[in-house]
Amino acid sequence: MIPTYKIEDFPSNKAIENLFKLERFEDLSWPKNLEWPHKHNFYQLIWLTEGAFTHTIDYHDIAVKSDTLLITSPGQIHLLNSPEKVKGYSISFTEQFLLAHHTQESVFELTFLDESLTTPYLCLDENARKELKAIIDPIMEELNRDEKAPMIINVLLFALLNRIQRLMNKAQPIIADSFQVVMHRKFRNLIEQYYKEEPDLAFYADKMSISSNYLNKIVKHVTGKTAGLMVRDRGLIEAKRMLVYCNFSIGEISDQLGFKDFSYFSRQFKKREGFTPAEYRKLMHEKYSNH
């Protein structure tokens, strides 16, 4: 099984309980017997300022160079190759910490936090680097105090995340109002809860008190995808994770993901990936056999 690490597994005196931590990446204290790949139960932003490495996140290899911001969401399986050769910042925080002083709707508007499945990084130009550093520096100053003020750090973190969201929107403009963005985030959260049991779009629309057609219209406007495709994509990601990192048979994986027909699961997987589940498992085991 893939291990899941918590913030407190990475010891630091530059932290707010088990909710927030900001350190120079090169100064991180790694857990004893750290296993790769692994998952987190928190969000992590890594700003690479020097060096390069390969970041493998949910089976996608990303060649990361300096002046890049990496985003990893809770539950994502990831692997860093040669992280000891780089410098930068590591910012870790939980959703609980954000919600301590901000509404759920305002947190939902930080869409980049949960778009890391499709857009897991942002390249930073000189102006962007200055903007982010102007907020990171005061956070580090506060963390260096003997008596740290969680509210000050919380407010600064929220400002930093909104600044990143603005940079993300500039890089990939989304023509949607705040209501649509919030509804889309609620839909994503519901998918995370129910995708194994509920493939029917009407179920999610009913939970959100809107029609299926309206839900699909919102999702299409925000993401360019259909709502049904979002549900299927989440199941596909989990299928790929289980094929690589679990010892379940393909039939057991099909059952756990709510497919009543094993052959239908295989056909759908091959249609999306170009490989049967067995072929994909073999290919990934060969690719990552050295890790």
Protein backbone atom coordinates (compact mmCIF):
# COMPACT_ATOMS: atom_id res chain seq x y z
CA MET A 1 0.00 0.00 0.00
CA ILE A 2 1.09 3.56 -0.67
CA PRO A 3 1.90 5.42 2.59
CA THR A 4 0.11 8.67 3.40
CA TYR A 5 2.15 11.28 5.26
CA LYS A 6 0.91 14.12 7.50
CA ILE A 7 2.49 17.51 8.09
CA GLU A 8 3.74 16.40 11.49
CA ASP A 9 5.69 13.58 9.83
CA PHE A 10 8.10 16.26 8.57
CA PRO A 11 9.54 17.69 11.84
CA SER A 12 9.97 21.46 11.93
CA ASN A 13 10.03 24.40 14.31
CA LYS A 14 8.65 26.59 11.53
CA ALA A 15 5.14 25.23 11.80
CA ILE A 16 1.72 26.00 13.25
CA GLU A 17 0.76 22.81 15.09
CA ASN A 18 -0.07 20.14 12.49
CA LEU A 19 -1.78 22.61 10.16
CA PHE A 20 0.86 24.71 8.41
CA LYS A 21 4.58 24.73 7.67
CA LEU A 22 6.91 26.83 5.52
CA GLU A 23 10.60 26.03 5.14
CA ARG A 24 13.44 26.28 2.69
CA PHE A 25 13.19 23.09 0.66
CA GLU A 26 16.87 22.31 1.17
CA ASP A 27 16.37 22.49 4.97
CA LEU A 28 13.43 20.07 5.12
CA SER A 29 13.59 17.27 7.67
CA TRP A 30 12.39 14.14 5.93
CA PRO A 31 10.61 11.32 7.80
CA LYS A 32 12.75 8.39 8.82
CA ASN A 33 12.52 5.64 6.19
CA LEU A 34 10.58 7.91 3.84
CA GLU A 35 8.98 5.83 1.10
CA TRP A 36 8.63 6.92 -2.52
CA PRO A 37 6.13 7.20 -4.07
CA HIS A 38 3.74 8.40 -1.37
CA LYS A 39 0.69 10.55 -0.70
CA HIS A 40 -0.01 13.52 1.60
CA ASN A 41 -3.17 14.38 3.50
CA PHE A 42 -2.34 18.09 3.01
CA TYR A 43 -1.63 20.56 0.22
CA GLN A 44 1.97 21.25 -0.69
CA LEU A 45 3.44 24.02 -2.82
CA ILE A 46 7.09 23.73 -3.84
CA TRP A 47 8.73 26.79 -5.38
CA LEU A 48 11.93 25.64 -7.06
CA THR A 49 14.49 28.48 -7.16
CA GLU A 50 17.60 26.51 -8.13
CA GLY A 51 18.27 23.15 -9.77
CA ALA A 52 16.01 20.69 -11.56
CA PHE A 53 14.34 17.34 -11.00
CA THR A 54 11.59 15.14 -12.37
CA HIS A 55 8.27 15.19 -10.55
CA THR A 56 6.08 12.16 -11.21
CA ILE A 57 2.51 12.84 -10.14
CA ASP A 58 -0.22 10.31 -10.80
CA TYR A 59 1.93 8.68 -13.51
CA HIS A 60 2.76 11.87 -15.40
CA ASP A 61 6.45 12.81 -15.53
CA ILE A 62 7.11 16.55 -15.35
CA ALA A 63 10.63 17.89 -15.95
CA VAL A 64 10.84 20.75 -13.44
CA LYS A 65 13.36 23.58 -13.77
CA SER A 66 14.08 26.59 -11.58
CA ASP A 67 11.41 29.29 -11.20
CA THR A 68 8.61 26.72 -11.19
CA LEU A 69 5.81 26.37 -8.64
CA LEU A 70 4.61 22.79 -8.08
CA ILE A 71 1.17 22.05 -6.64
CA THR A 72 0.31 18.73 -4.97
CA SER A 73 -3.17 18.06 -3.58
CA PRO A 74 -4.13 15.62 -0.81
CA GLY A 75 -4.30 12.03 -2.02
CA GLN A 76 -2.14 12.41 -5.11
CA ILE A 77 0.59 9.81 -5.54
CA HIS A 78 3.89 11.48 -6.32
CA LEU A 79 7.60 10.86 -6.63
CA LEU A 80 10.52 13.32 -6.69
CA ASN A 81 13.74 12.24 -8.38
CA SER A 82 16.92 13.71 -6.81
CA PRO A 83 15.13 16.33 -4.63
CA GLU A 84 18.32 16.75 -2.56
CA LYS A 85 19.98 18.68 -5.40
CA VAL A 86 17.59 21.62 -5.48
CA LYS A 87 16.77 24.78 -3.53
CA GLY A 88 13.54 26.61 -2.97
CA TYR A 89 10.57 26.84 -0.63
CA SER A 90 8.15 24.20 0.65
CA ILE A 91 4.73 25.35 1.89
CA SER A 92 2.42 22.77 3.46
CA PHE A 93 -1.07 23.39 4.84
CA THR A 94 -4.38 21.68 5.47
CA GLU A 95 -7.83 22.74 4.34
CA GLN A 96 -8.74 22.89 8.03
CA PHE A 97 -6.18 25.67 8.52
CA LEU A 98 -7.67 27.69 5.64
CA LEU A 99 -11.22 27.27 6.92
CA ALA A 100 -10.26 28.49 10.39
CA HIS A 101 -10.57 32.13 9.24
CA HIS A 102 -12.18 31.97 5.79
CA THR A 103 -15.51 30.79 4.38
CA GLN A 104 -15.77 27.59 2.40
CA GLU A 105 -16.96 29.59 -0.61
CA SER A 106 -13.83 31.76 -0.59
CA VAL A 107 -11.63 28.66 -0.32
CA PHE A 108 -13.56 27.03 -3.17
CA GLU A 109 -12.59 29.94 -5.39
CA LEU A 110 -8.95 28.85 -5.12
CA THR A 111 -9.54 26.44 -7.99
CA PHE A 112 -5.85 25.83 -8.72
CA LEU A 113 -5.57 23.79 -5.50
CA ASP A 114 -7.73 21.05 -6.96
CA GLU A 115 -6.79 21.49 -10.61
CA SER A 116 -3.39 19.95 -9.88
CA LEU A 117 -4.68 16.76 -11.50
CA THR A 118 -4.47 18.58 -14.84
CA THR A 119 -2.29 21.66 -14.16
CA PRO A 120 0.22 20.69 -11.46
CA TYR A 121 2.73 23.50 -11.98
CA LEU A 122 3.15 27.18 -12.86
CA CYS A 123 6.20 28.83 -14.44
CA LEU A 124 7.10 32.08 -12.69
CA ASP A 125 8.48 35.15 -14.44
CA GLU A 126 10.41 37.88 -12.62
CA ASN A 127 7.29 39.86 -11.65
CA ALA A 128 5.55 36.74 -10.34
CA ARG A 129 8.61 35.81 -8.26
CA LYS A 130 8.67 39.30 -6.71
CA GLU A 131 4.95 39.13 -5.92
CA LEU A 132 5.19 35.76 -4.18
CA LYS A 133 8.39 36.54 -2.29
CA ALA A 134 6.83 39.76 -0.93
CA ILE A 135 4.31 37.55 0.91
CA ILE A 136 6.54 34.58 1.74
CA ASP A 137 9.15 36.73 3.51
CA PRO A 138 6.73 38.07 6.16
CA ILE A 139 5.37 34.54 6.75
CA MET A 140 8.91 33.33 7.42
CA GLU A 141 9.53 36.29 9.73
CA GLU A 142 6.42 35.42 11.74
CA LEU A 143 7.41 31.74 11.92
CA ASN A 144 10.81 32.73 13.32
CA ARG A 145 9.19 34.45 16.30
CA ASP A 146 9.09 32.69 19.66
CA GLU A 147 5.36 33.41 19.88
CA LYS A 148 3.85 32.81 16.45
CA ALA A 149 0.45 34.30 15.60
CA PRO A 150 -1.59 31.72 13.63
CA MET A 151 -4.08 34.35 12.44
CA ILE A 152 -1.35 36.51 10.88
CA ILE A 153 0.09 33.49 9.07
CA ASN A 154 -3.38 32.38 8.00
CA VAL A 155 -4.16 35.79 6.47
CA LEU A 156 -0.79 35.94 4.69
CA LEU A 157 -1.23 32.40 3.36
CA PHE A 158 -4.66 33.27 2.01
CA ALA A 159 -3.19 36.34 0.30
CA LEU A 160 -0.44 34.16 -1.19
CA LEU A 161 -2.92 31.60 -2.51
CA ASN A 162 -5.10 34.29 -4.06
CA ARG A 163 -2.02 35.80 -5.71
CA ILE A 164 -1.17 32.38 -7.17
CA GLN A 165 -4.77 31.98 -8.33
CA ARG A 166 -4.50 35.29 -10.16
CA LEU A 167 -1.28 34.15 -11.84
CA MET A 168 -2.94 30.86 -12.81
CA ASN A 169 -5.93 32.69 -14.27
CA LYS A 170 -3.58 34.88 -16.29
CA ALA A 171 -1.76 31.84 -17.65
CA GLN A 172 -4.98 29.92 -18.33
CA PRO A 173 -7.93 32.34 -18.36
CA ILE A 174 -11.26 30.96 -17.17
CA ILE A 175 -14.33 32.87 -18.30
CA ALA A 176 -16.62 32.11 -15.38
CA ASP A 177 -18.22 34.05 -12.57
CA SER A 178 -17.61 33.25 -8.89
CA PHE A 179 -20.93 31.37 -8.57
CA GLN A 180 -19.93 28.97 -11.35
CA VAL A 181 -16.48 28.49 -9.84
CA VAL A 182 -17.93 27.68 -6.41
CA MET A 183 -20.51 25.27 -7.90
CA HIS A 184 -17.76 23.54 -9.87
CA ARG A 185 -15.69 23.08 -6.70
CA LYS A 186 -18.71 21.67 -4.85
CA PHE A 187 -19.20 19.22 -7.71
CA ARG A 188 -15.55 18.14 -7.49
CA ASN A 189 -15.93 17.55 -3.75
CA LEU A 190 -19.03 15.43 -4.31
CA ILE A 191 -17.23 13.41 -6.97
CA GLU A 192 -14.44 12.73 -4.49
CA GLN A 193 -17.00 11.39 -2.02
CA TYR A 194 -19.20 9.33 -4.33
CA TYR A 195 -17.47 8.49 -7.62
CA LYS A 196 -17.11 4.80 -6.71
CA GLU A 197 -20.82 4.36 -6.02
CA GLU A 198 -22.54 6.96 -8.18
CA PRO A 199 -21.74 7.32 -11.91
CA ASP A 200 -25.11 8.98 -12.61
CA LEU A 201 -24.94 12.74 -13.14
CA ALA A 202 -28.50 13.15 -11.85
CA PHE A 203 -27.31 12.07 -8.38
CA TYR A 204 -24.80 14.94 -8.18
CA ALA A 205 -27.22 17.47 -9.64
CA ASP A 206 -29.82 16.48 -7.03
CA LYS A 207 -27.22 16.90 -4.24
CA MET A 208 -26.56 20.42 -5.53
CA SER A 209 -30.27 21.24 -6.00
CA ILE A 210 -29.88 22.00 -9.71
CA SER A 211 -30.77 20.17 -12.91
CA SER A 212 -28.36 17.85 -14.69
CA ASN A 213 -28.39 20.10 -17.73
CA TYR A 214 -27.50 23.18 -15.67
CA LEU A 215 -24.71 21.30 -13.86
CA ASN A 216 -23.29 20.19 -17.19
CA LYS A 217 -23.49 23.76 -18.51
CA ILE A 218 -21.57 25.11 -15.50
CA VAL A 219 -18.86 22.46 -15.69
CA LYS A 220 -18.47 22.88 -19.45
CA HIS A 221 -18.14 26.65 -19.03
CA VAL A 222 -15.52 26.39 -16.29
CA THR A 223 -13.45 23.46 -17.55
CA GLY A 224 -14.37 22.80 -21.17
CA LYS A 225 -15.29 19.23 -20.15
CA THR A 226 -18.68 17.63 -19.64
CA ALA A 227 -19.74 16.87 -16.08
CA GLY A 228 -20.04 13.17 -16.88
CA LEU A 229 -16.46 13.10 -18.15
CA MET A 230 -15.26 14.58 -14.85
CA VAL A 231 -16.88 11.70 -12.95
CA ARG A 232 -15.39 9.11 -15.31
CA ASP A 233 -11.96 10.77 -15.20
CA ARG A 234 -11.85 10.48 -11.39
CA GLY A 235 -12.61 6.78 -11.59
CA LEU A 236 -9.93 6.34 -14.25
CA ILE A 237 -7.29 8.05 -12.08
CA GLU A 238 -8.12 5.73 -9.18
CA ALA A 239 -8.06 2.70 -11.47
CA LYS A 240 -4.55 3.65 -12.62
CA ARG A 241 -3.38 4.14 -9.04
CA MET A 242 -4.74 0.76 -7.96
CA LEU A 243 -3.31 -1.06 -10.97
CA VAL A 244 0.19 0.20 -10.20
CA TYR A 245 0.32 0.31 -6.40
CA CYS A 246 -2.12 -2.33 -5.17
CA ASN A 247 -1.98 -6.11 -5.43
CA PHE A 248 -5.69 -6.45 -6.16
CA SER A 249 -6.68 -8.43 -9.22
CA ILE A 250 -8.15 -6.46 -12.10
CA GLY A 251 -11.54 -7.97 -11.30
CA GLU A 252 -11.29 -6.77 -7.67
CA ILE A 253 -10.34 -3.27 -8.85
CA SER A 254 -13.32 -3.26 -11.20
CA ASP A 255 -15.63 -4.24 -8.31
CA GLN A 256 -14.18 -1.63 -5.92
CA LEU A 257 -14.72 1.11 -8.49
CA GLY A 258 -18.36 0.20 -8.93
CA PHE A 259 -18.20 -1.57 -12.29
CA LYS A 260 -20.66 -4.46 -12.27
CA ASP A 261 -19.24 -5.83 -15.50
CA PHE A 262 -15.48 -6.59 -15.59
CA SER A 263 -15.37 -6.64 -19.41
CA TYR A 264 -17.05 -3.21 -19.56
CA PHE A 265 -14.38 -1.83 -17.19
CA SER A 266 -11.64 -3.25 -19.44
CA ARG A 267 -13.22 -1.83 -22.59
CA GLN A 268 -13.67 1.62 -21.06
CA PHE A 269 -10.10 1.65 -19.73
CA LYS A 270 -8.63 0.69 -23.10
CA LYS A 271 -10.81 3.26 -24.85
CA ARG A 272 -9.36 6.05 -22.68
CA GLU A 273 -5.75 4.84 -22.25
CA GLY A 274 -5.06 2.78 -25.36
CA PHE A 275 -4.08 -0.21 -23.19
CA THR A 276 -6.00 -2.92 -21.38
CA PRO A 277 -5.73 -2.73 -17.57
CA ALA A 278 -3.32 -5.69 -17.61
CA GLU A 279 -1.14 -4.06 -20.29
CA TYR A 280 -1.10 -0.77 -18.38
CA ARG A 281 -0.10 -2.49 -15.11
CA LYS A 282 2.78 -4.29 -16.84
CA LEU A 283 3.95 -1.10 -18.57
CA MET A 284 3.96 0.97 -15.36
CA HIS A 285 5.69 -1.74 -13.33
CA GLU A 286 8.46 -1.83 -15.91
CA LYS A 287 8.71 1.97 -15.95
CA TYR A 288 8.96 2.44 -12.18
CA SER A 289 10.65 -0.84 -11.21
CA ASN A 290 13.75 1.06 -10.07
CA HIS A 291 11.88 3.26 -7.56
